[in-house]
Amino acid sequence: MHKQEQLSFEQLMGKRLVRDLFNNQGVLLIPLATVLNRSHIHVMRDHGLQLSDNDVEEVGPYANVSSALPGLGIDEAAGVVHDVFEQARVSRQIPLAQLRMRVLPLIRESVDRLHLFQLLAALHDKQDYLSRHSVGVGAISMLLGKWIGLPETELLQLTTAAILHDIGKTQIPAELLNKPGRLDDDEFDTMKRHTVIGFEMIRKTVGTTERQAKVALQHHERIDGSGYPLGLKCEQIDPFSRIVAVADVFHAMTSRTVYRNPSPVYAVLKQVEGGAFGAFDPAVVSVLLHKFMQALIGYEVMLTDGTKAKIVLIHPHRQTRPLVQADDTFIDLSQNYALDIEQILANHELPADDRADAAPSGDPGKVTDTIQPPEAG
């Protein structure tokens, strides 16, 4: 059996992590697949962390391909979903076996292996928005389901439903789906029909459940009754649909579409928290905010007065207004409303092959004052 050998900090420089690094409170410090530089070494030293040769790998022509190209599984899943949706567009029948045998394992592998912001980067800024959005909503719904504690059988049902939530759009005219401008009232009414169409398509597919069909019907419902197509409220909306509703909006708003550039992750989290996209299940929103904000601990930020600081603590009841540290000064944004986070700066270095893809979504970027919601999700 290979004996673990502790490496000095100098020996760790330039090597890539093969696992996430957490502090003794369970807070993520440095994500898997990070190529270690001197700033990472300072973090490890501050927290008393030491690594062995089993915790890192060499970066170079013989490096592990899967960790160097973290988005390949998502790309493959999106390709399969594209083919599934094309078949459904022509026949109105869903080849469910392809999703179960090929797409679900790829999403699960990506969710289990990639750091949160690597996963987001893999899900964004590619062609064929509908198929990638379906995979994205599937992956984010799987994450939310895991964080909430769903059992395995329900987690797989939820993820399948999430992948198929927009299947009804295969029957909507392409000129509406790809229209760069805002839809008029008649066009929007046509677009909203995708919920009912998807419900019928899934319900007629052998091997699906009524709950999965309901997700297609209900993912635009809101717990205050302001959604469509039925204006359902609270417990009238299936829990799966409430999870997918959050995942749908979060992925849509952080993605590039034909009519909108991607919004920064942090800005979208603030808007979701403030109800800008409608009333979501507060339990689902709380889990989303907690996990994403925890993943931002250690990131450098720029405040609205130009001060650079580092996120050090997330408040449980003011999750988008963390405690930050600027040099030797701590600033509690949950108490000081004169300041806010203007921009989140890159701090967790990803492998060189992924930096360009990760930048638009992995580093949440500049916070804008207003985010325009998606036309019809």
Protein backbone atom coordinates (compact mmCIF):
# COMPACT_ATOMS: atom_id res chain seq x y z
CA MET A 1 0.00 0.00 0.00
CA HIS A 2 1.29 3.45 -0.96
CA LYS A 3 2.52 5.38 2.07
CA GLN A 4 1.25 8.96 2.26
CA GLU A 5 4.06 11.50 2.29
CA GLN A 6 3.43 14.97 3.61
CA LEU A 7 4.60 17.66 1.21
CA SER A 8 6.16 20.97 2.11
CA PHE A 9 4.38 24.15 1.04
CA GLU A 10 7.04 24.75 -1.62
CA GLN A 11 6.48 21.25 -3.02
CA LEU A 12 2.76 21.97 -3.34
CA MET A 13 3.26 25.04 -5.53
CA GLY A 14 1.91 24.46 -9.06
CA LYS A 15 0.25 21.14 -8.23
CA ARG A 16 -3.49 20.56 -8.67
CA LEU A 17 -5.82 19.50 -5.86
CA VAL A 18 -7.71 16.24 -6.34
CA ARG A 19 -10.16 17.01 -3.52
CA ASP A 20 -11.85 20.00 -1.90
CA LEU A 21 -10.09 21.51 1.13
CA PHE A 22 -12.25 22.48 4.13
CA ASN A 23 -11.41 24.08 7.46
CA ASN A 24 -12.31 22.41 10.76
CA GLN A 25 -15.77 24.03 10.69
CA GLY A 26 -16.52 22.39 7.33
CA VAL A 27 -16.21 25.60 5.29
CA LEU A 28 -14.80 25.14 1.80
CA LEU A 29 -11.44 26.91 1.54
CA ILE A 30 -10.00 25.73 -1.78
CA PRO A 31 -12.00 23.71 -4.35
CA LEU A 32 -11.01 20.54 -6.14
CA ALA A 33 -8.97 21.03 -9.36
CA THR A 34 -7.38 24.29 -8.14
CA VAL A 35 -3.78 24.76 -9.26
CA LEU A 36 -2.08 25.89 -6.06
CA ASN A 37 -0.29 29.23 -5.99
CA ARG A 38 1.24 31.28 -3.20
CA SER A 39 -2.08 32.79 -2.05
CA HIS A 40 -3.50 29.29 -1.60
CA ILE A 41 -0.41 28.32 0.39
CA HIS A 42 -1.04 31.29 2.73
CA VAL A 43 -4.64 30.09 3.27
CA MET A 44 -3.44 26.57 4.07
CA ARG A 45 -0.79 27.87 6.47
CA ASP A 46 -3.32 30.13 8.22
CA HIS A 47 -5.62 27.16 8.81
CA GLY A 48 -2.89 24.69 9.74
CA LEU A 49 -3.56 22.42 6.75
CA GLN A 50 -0.97 19.97 5.45
CA LEU A 51 -1.31 17.79 2.37
CA SER A 52 0.15 14.52 1.22
CA ASP A 53 1.08 13.40 -2.29
CA ASN A 54 -2.33 11.67 -2.46
CA ASP A 55 -4.08 15.06 -2.25
CA VAL A 56 -2.50 16.59 -5.35
CA GLU A 57 -1.48 15.72 -8.89
CA GLU A 58 1.07 17.06 -11.35
CA VAL A 59 -0.09 19.57 -13.95
CA GLY A 60 1.25 18.87 -17.40
CA PRO A 61 0.91 16.62 -20.45
CA TYR A 62 0.34 13.56 -18.24
CA ALA A 63 -2.17 15.20 -15.87
CA ASN A 64 -5.53 13.58 -15.20
CA VAL A 65 -7.68 14.50 -18.22
CA SER A 66 -11.00 14.44 -16.36
CA SER A 67 -9.92 17.09 -13.85
CA ALA A 68 -8.31 19.22 -16.57
CA LEU A 69 -11.55 19.29 -18.62
CA PRO A 70 -14.31 19.50 -16.02
CA GLY A 71 -17.12 20.41 -18.43
CA LEU A 72 -16.92 17.42 -20.76
CA GLY A 73 -19.66 15.47 -18.98
CA ILE A 74 -22.02 18.43 -19.15
CA ASP A 75 -21.23 18.92 -22.85
CA GLU A 76 -22.00 15.28 -23.56
CA ALA A 77 -25.24 15.43 -21.55
CA ALA A 78 -26.35 18.54 -23.45
CA GLY A 79 -25.67 16.76 -26.74
CA VAL A 80 -27.84 13.81 -25.75
CA VAL A 81 -30.64 16.12 -24.55
CA HIS A 82 -30.46 17.97 -27.86
CA ASP A 83 -31.05 14.69 -29.71
CA VAL A 84 -33.86 13.69 -27.33
CA PHE A 85 -35.59 17.04 -27.81
CA GLU A 86 -35.24 16.82 -31.59
CA GLN A 87 -36.94 13.42 -31.56
CA ALA A 88 -39.66 14.81 -29.31
CA ARG A 89 -40.13 17.83 -31.59
CA VAL A 90 -40.90 15.58 -34.55
CA SER A 91 -42.80 12.74 -32.86
CA ARG A 92 -44.12 14.38 -29.64
CA GLN A 93 -42.78 11.25 -27.91
CA ILE A 94 -39.94 11.31 -25.37
CA PRO A 95 -37.19 8.63 -25.60
CA LEU A 96 -36.92 8.37 -21.82
CA ALA A 97 -34.36 5.54 -21.83
CA GLN A 98 -31.68 7.82 -23.29
CA LEU A 99 -32.14 10.29 -20.43
CA ARG A 100 -31.98 7.57 -17.78
CA MET A 101 -29.06 5.65 -19.24
CA ARG A 102 -26.89 8.51 -20.48
CA VAL A 103 -27.88 11.94 -19.16
CA LEU A 104 -28.61 11.18 -15.50
CA PRO A 105 -25.22 9.46 -14.90
CA LEU A 106 -23.37 12.35 -16.57
CA ILE A 107 -25.16 14.96 -14.46
CA ARG A 108 -24.61 12.99 -11.28
CA GLU A 109 -20.90 12.56 -12.04
CA SER A 110 -20.50 16.27 -12.73
CA VAL A 111 -22.43 17.30 -9.62
CA ASP A 112 -20.39 14.96 -7.44
CA ARG A 113 -16.98 15.84 -8.90
CA LEU A 114 -16.95 19.54 -9.77
CA HIS A 115 -16.67 22.53 -7.49
CA LEU A 116 -19.89 24.57 -7.46
CA PHE A 117 -18.55 27.37 -9.65
CA GLN A 118 -16.85 24.93 -12.04
CA LEU A 119 -20.24 23.31 -12.51
CA LEU A 120 -21.89 26.66 -13.23
CA ALA A 121 -19.16 27.52 -15.72
CA ALA A 122 -19.71 24.22 -17.54
CA LEU A 123 -23.44 24.92 -17.75
CA HIS A 124 -23.18 28.37 -19.29
CA ASP A 125 -22.25 30.30 -22.41
CA LYS A 126 -22.59 27.59 -25.03
CA GLN A 127 -24.75 27.17 -28.11
CA ASP A 128 -28.20 25.51 -28.13
CA TYR A 129 -29.62 27.19 -25.05
CA LEU A 130 -32.68 24.95 -24.65
CA SER A 131 -30.79 21.68 -24.26
CA ARG A 132 -28.05 23.19 -22.07
CA HIS A 133 -30.64 24.97 -19.93
CA SER A 134 -32.46 21.66 -19.45
CA VAL A 135 -29.22 20.02 -18.29
CA GLY A 136 -28.45 23.05 -16.12
CA VAL A 137 -31.83 22.98 -14.41
CA GLY A 138 -31.40 19.23 -13.94
CA ALA A 139 -27.99 19.66 -12.31
CA ILE A 140 -29.04 22.56 -10.06
CA SER A 141 -32.23 20.71 -9.06
CA MET A 142 -30.16 17.64 -8.20
CA LEU A 143 -27.93 19.83 -6.03
CA LEU A 144 -30.93 21.41 -4.30
CA GLY A 145 -32.51 18.00 -3.76
CA LYS A 146 -29.29 16.65 -2.22
CA TRP A 147 -28.92 19.71 0.01
CA ILE A 148 -32.55 19.41 1.15
CA GLY A 149 -31.99 15.71 1.90
CA LEU A 150 -34.24 13.94 -0.60
CA PRO A 151 -33.87 10.15 -0.69
CA GLU A 152 -32.16 8.62 -3.73
CA THR A 153 -35.33 7.52 -5.51
CA GLU A 154 -36.90 10.98 -5.23
CA LEU A 155 -33.63 12.64 -6.25
CA LEU A 156 -33.58 10.72 -9.54
CA GLN A 157 -37.27 11.45 -10.16
CA LEU A 158 -36.68 15.15 -9.47
CA THR A 159 -33.66 15.36 -11.78
CA THR A 160 -35.51 13.64 -14.63
CA ALA A 161 -38.46 16.00 -14.17
CA ALA A 162 -36.11 18.99 -14.14
CA ILE A 163 -34.43 17.92 -17.40
CA LEU A 164 -37.88 17.64 -19.01
CA HIS A 165 -39.42 20.77 -17.50
CA ASP A 166 -39.22 22.66 -20.83
CA ILE A 167 -39.96 19.72 -23.16
CA GLY A 168 -43.13 21.51 -24.24
CA LYS A 169 -40.98 24.17 -25.92
CA THR A 170 -40.17 21.62 -28.62
CA GLN A 171 -43.69 22.37 -29.92
CA ILE A 172 -43.34 26.17 -29.77
CA PRO A 173 -42.31 27.94 -33.02
CA ALA A 174 -38.54 28.44 -33.22
CA GLU A 175 -38.96 32.10 -34.15
CA LEU A 176 -40.53 32.73 -30.75
CA LEU A 177 -37.92 30.74 -28.84
CA ASN A 178 -35.12 32.62 -30.58
CA LYS A 179 -36.67 36.07 -30.73
CA PRO A 180 -34.06 38.54 -29.43
CA GLY A 181 -36.57 41.16 -28.27
CA ARG A 182 -39.40 41.14 -25.75
CA LEU A 183 -42.45 39.05 -26.67
CA ASP A 184 -45.76 40.83 -27.28
CA ASP A 185 -48.89 39.69 -25.44
CA ASP A 186 -50.01 37.20 -28.07
CA GLU A 187 -46.51 35.74 -28.39
CA PHE A 188 -46.22 35.43 -24.62
CA ASP A 189 -49.54 33.61 -24.46
CA THR A 190 -48.24 31.17 -27.06
CA MET A 191 -44.99 30.72 -25.14
CA LYS A 192 -46.87 30.00 -21.91
CA ARG A 193 -48.54 27.03 -23.59
CA HIS A 194 -45.28 25.08 -23.27
CA THR A 195 -46.26 24.21 -19.69
CA VAL A 196 -49.50 22.46 -20.67
CA ILE A 197 -47.95 20.85 -23.75
CA GLY A 198 -45.05 19.50 -21.70
CA PHE A 199 -47.43 18.14 -19.07
CA GLU A 200 -49.33 16.17 -21.70
CA MET A 201 -46.16 14.90 -23.40
CA ILE A 202 -44.64 13.62 -20.14
CA ARG A 203 -47.91 12.13 -18.89
CA LYS A 204 -48.19 10.09 -22.11
CA THR A 205 -44.61 8.80 -21.84
CA VAL A 206 -44.30 5.27 -20.47
CA GLY A 207 -42.11 5.18 -17.36
CA THR A 208 -42.77 8.73 -16.13
CA THR A 209 -44.79 9.72 -13.08
CA GLU A 210 -47.61 12.19 -12.51
CA ARG A 211 -45.25 14.26 -10.33
CA GLN A 212 -42.79 14.61 -13.19
CA ALA A 213 -45.56 15.75 -15.52
CA LYS A 214 -46.67 18.28 -12.90
CA VAL A 215 -43.20 19.85 -12.89
CA ALA A 216 -43.59 20.76 -16.58
CA LEU A 217 -47.02 22.22 -15.80
CA GLN A 218 -46.13 24.05 -12.57
CA HIS A 219 -42.54 25.32 -12.83
CA HIS A 220 -43.79 28.86 -13.54
CA GLU A 221 -46.25 28.86 -10.62
CA ARG A 222 -45.38 31.00 -7.59
CA ILE A 223 -46.45 30.40 -4.01
CA ASP A 224 -48.32 33.73 -3.85
CA GLY A 225 -50.52 32.72 -6.81
CA SER A 226 -48.90 35.13 -9.27
CA GLY A 227 -47.56 32.44 -11.63
CA TYR A 228 -49.03 30.56 -14.58
CA PRO A 229 -50.80 28.65 -16.07
CA LEU A 230 -53.20 27.98 -13.16
CA GLY A 231 -52.27 30.60 -10.56
CA LEU A 232 -51.65 27.94 -7.90
CA LYS A 233 -50.56 28.85 -4.37
CA CYS A 234 -48.34 27.31 -1.68
CA GLU A 235 -49.22 23.66 -1.03
CA GLN A 236 -51.12 23.42 -4.31
CA ILE A 237 -47.71 23.38 -6.00
CA ASP A 238 -45.81 20.09 -5.86
CA PRO A 239 -42.50 20.27 -3.90
CA PHE A 240 -40.61 19.09 -7.01
CA SER A 241 -42.09 22.01 -8.95
CA ARG A 242 -41.03 24.45 -6.23
CA ILE A 243 -37.44 23.21 -6.45
CA VAL A 244 -37.35 23.31 -10.24
CA ALA A 245 -38.86 26.83 -10.27
CA VAL A 246 -35.85 28.16 -8.34
CA ALA A 247 -33.33 26.17 -10.41
CA ASP A 248 -35.00 27.34 -13.65
CA VAL A 249 -34.78 31.04 -12.84
CA PHE A 250 -31.31 30.83 -11.28
CA HIS A 251 -29.81 29.09 -14.31
CA ALA A 252 -31.67 31.29 -16.80
CA MET A 253 -30.55 34.54 -15.17
CA THR A 254 -26.89 33.49 -14.92
CA SER A 255 -26.80 32.28 -18.55
CA ARG A 256 -26.39 34.00 -21.89
CA THR A 257 -29.54 33.89 -24.05
CA VAL A 258 -30.55 35.38 -27.40
CA TYR A 259 -32.14 38.35 -25.61
CA ARG A 260 -29.99 38.84 -22.49
CA ASN A 261 -26.39 38.70 -21.29
CA PRO A 262 -25.68 36.63 -18.17
CA SER A 263 -26.11 38.34 -14.81
CA PRO A 264 -23.52 37.93 -12.01
CA VAL A 265 -24.22 35.05 -9.65
CA TYR A 266 -24.11 37.25 -6.55
CA ALA A 267 -26.52 39.75 -8.09
CA VAL A 268 -28.97 36.97 -8.97
CA LEU A 269 -28.76 35.57 -5.43
CA LYS A 270 -29.66 39.01 -4.05
CA GLN A 271 -32.56 39.35 -6.48
CA VAL A 272 -33.88 35.87 -5.66
CA GLU A 273 -33.63 36.69 -1.95
CA GLY A 274 -35.55 39.93 -2.53
CA GLY A 275 -38.32 38.26 -4.53
CA ALA A 276 -37.51 39.99 -7.83
CA PHE A 277 -38.55 36.92 -9.84
CA GLY A 278 -41.68 36.10 -7.87
CA ALA A 279 -42.46 34.31 -4.65
CA PHE A 280 -40.53 31.04 -4.33
CA ASP A 281 -40.62 28.42 -1.60
CA PRO A 282 -38.57 30.12 1.16
CA ALA A 283 -37.03 26.80 2.26
CA VAL A 284 -35.63 26.18 -1.23
CA VAL A 285 -34.37 29.76 -1.54
CA SER A 286 -32.69 29.52 1.87
CA VAL A 287 -30.78 26.38 0.86
CA LEU A 288 -29.69 27.94 -2.44
CA LEU A 289 -28.46 31.11 -0.74
CA HIS A 290 -26.69 29.23 2.05
CA LYS A 291 -24.73 26.90 -0.22
CA PHE A 292 -23.72 29.48 -2.80
CA MET A 293 -22.76 32.11 -0.25
CA GLN A 294 -20.77 29.55 1.76
CA ALA A 295 -18.88 28.74 -1.45
CA LEU A 296 -17.93 32.43 -1.70
CA ILE A 297 -16.14 32.48 1.67
CA GLY A 298 -12.53 33.45 1.03
CA TYR A 299 -13.30 35.35 -2.17
CA GLU A 300 -12.03 38.88 -2.52
CA VAL A 301 -14.73 41.48 -3.13
CA MET A 302 -14.88 45.15 -3.98
CA LEU A 303 -17.33 47.21 -1.94
CA THR A 304 -19.40 50.09 -3.27
CA ASP A 305 -16.90 52.61 -1.83
CA GLY A 306 -14.01 50.96 -3.68
CA THR A 307 -12.63 49.07 -0.67
CA LYS A 308 -11.25 45.61 -1.35
CA ALA A 309 -12.16 43.02 1.27
CA LYS A 310 -12.51 39.27 1.76
CA ILE A 311 -15.70 37.40 2.65
CA VAL A 312 -15.10 35.68 6.00
CA LEU A 313 -18.53 34.84 7.45
CA ILE A 314 -22.09 34.36 6.16
CA HIS A 315 -24.93 35.40 8.45
CA PRO A 316 -27.75 32.84 8.59
CA HIS A 317 -30.51 35.48 8.38
CA ARG A 318 -28.77 38.02 6.11
CA GLN A 319 -27.00 35.63 3.80
CA THR A 320 -26.20 38.07 0.98
CA ARG A 321 -24.79 40.63 3.45
CA PRO A 322 -21.74 38.84 4.87
CA LEU A 323 -19.00 39.82 7.28
CA VAL A 324 -15.97 40.96 5.27
CA GLN A 325 -12.40 41.81 6.23
CA ALA A 326 -10.49 44.74 4.75
CA ASP A 327 -6.89 44.56 5.93
CA ASP A 328 -7.26 44.49 9.76
CA THR A 329 -10.80 45.89 9.77
CA PHE A 330 -13.96 43.77 9.87
CA ILE A 331 -17.07 45.20 8.19
CA ASP A 332 -20.46 43.64 8.95
CA LEU A 333 -22.62 44.33 5.90
CA SER A 334 -25.67 42.99 7.74
CA GLN A 335 -25.38 46.04 10.02
CA ASN A 336 -23.76 48.58 7.69
CA TYR A 337 -26.30 49.23 4.92
CA ALA A 338 -24.29 52.20 3.64
CA LEU A 339 -22.01 49.65 1.95
CA ASP A 340 -22.66 46.69 -0.30
CA ILE A 341 -20.70 44.31 -2.47
CA GLU A 342 -20.09 45.89 -5.87
CA GLN A 343 -18.02 43.13 -7.43
CA ILE A 344 -16.71 39.68 -6.56
CA LEU A 345 -13.12 39.22 -7.71
CA ALA A 346 -11.42 36.02 -8.90
CA ASN A 347 -9.73 34.24 -6.02
CA HIS A 348 -10.09 30.48 -6.51
CA GLU A 349 -7.87 29.63 -9.44
CA LEU A 350 -9.18 26.97 -11.82
CA PRO A 351 -7.07 24.89 -14.23
CA ALA A 352 -5.72 26.94 -17.14
CA ASP A 353 -7.91 25.16 -19.71
CA ASP A 354 -11.05 26.23 -17.84
CA ARG A 355 -10.31 29.79 -16.83
CA ALA A 356 -11.90 31.41 -19.89
CA ASP A 357 -15.06 29.32 -19.61
CA ALA A 358 -15.31 29.80 -15.83
CA ALA A 359 -14.86 33.57 -15.79
CA PRO A 360 -18.38 34.69 -16.85
CA SER A 361 -20.21 32.62 -14.23
CA GLY A 362 -17.64 31.16 -11.85
CA ASP A 363 -16.49 34.59 -10.71
CA PRO A 364 -19.78 36.36 -10.26
CA GLY A 365 -18.54 39.69 -11.59
CA LYS A 366 -20.01 43.14 -11.24
CA VAL A 367 -23.34 43.59 -9.51
CA THR A 368 -25.85 45.58 -11.51
CA ASP A 369 -28.71 47.54 -9.99
CA THR A 370 -31.47 45.87 -11.96
CA ILE A 371 -31.80 42.43 -13.53
CA GLN A 372 -34.47 41.85 -16.12
CA PRO A 373 -36.31 38.57 -15.52
CA PRO A 374 -36.63 35.96 -18.25
CA GLU A 375 -39.55 36.27 -20.65
CA ALA A 376 -41.05 32.86 -20.02
CA GLY A 377 -38.28 30.83 -18.51
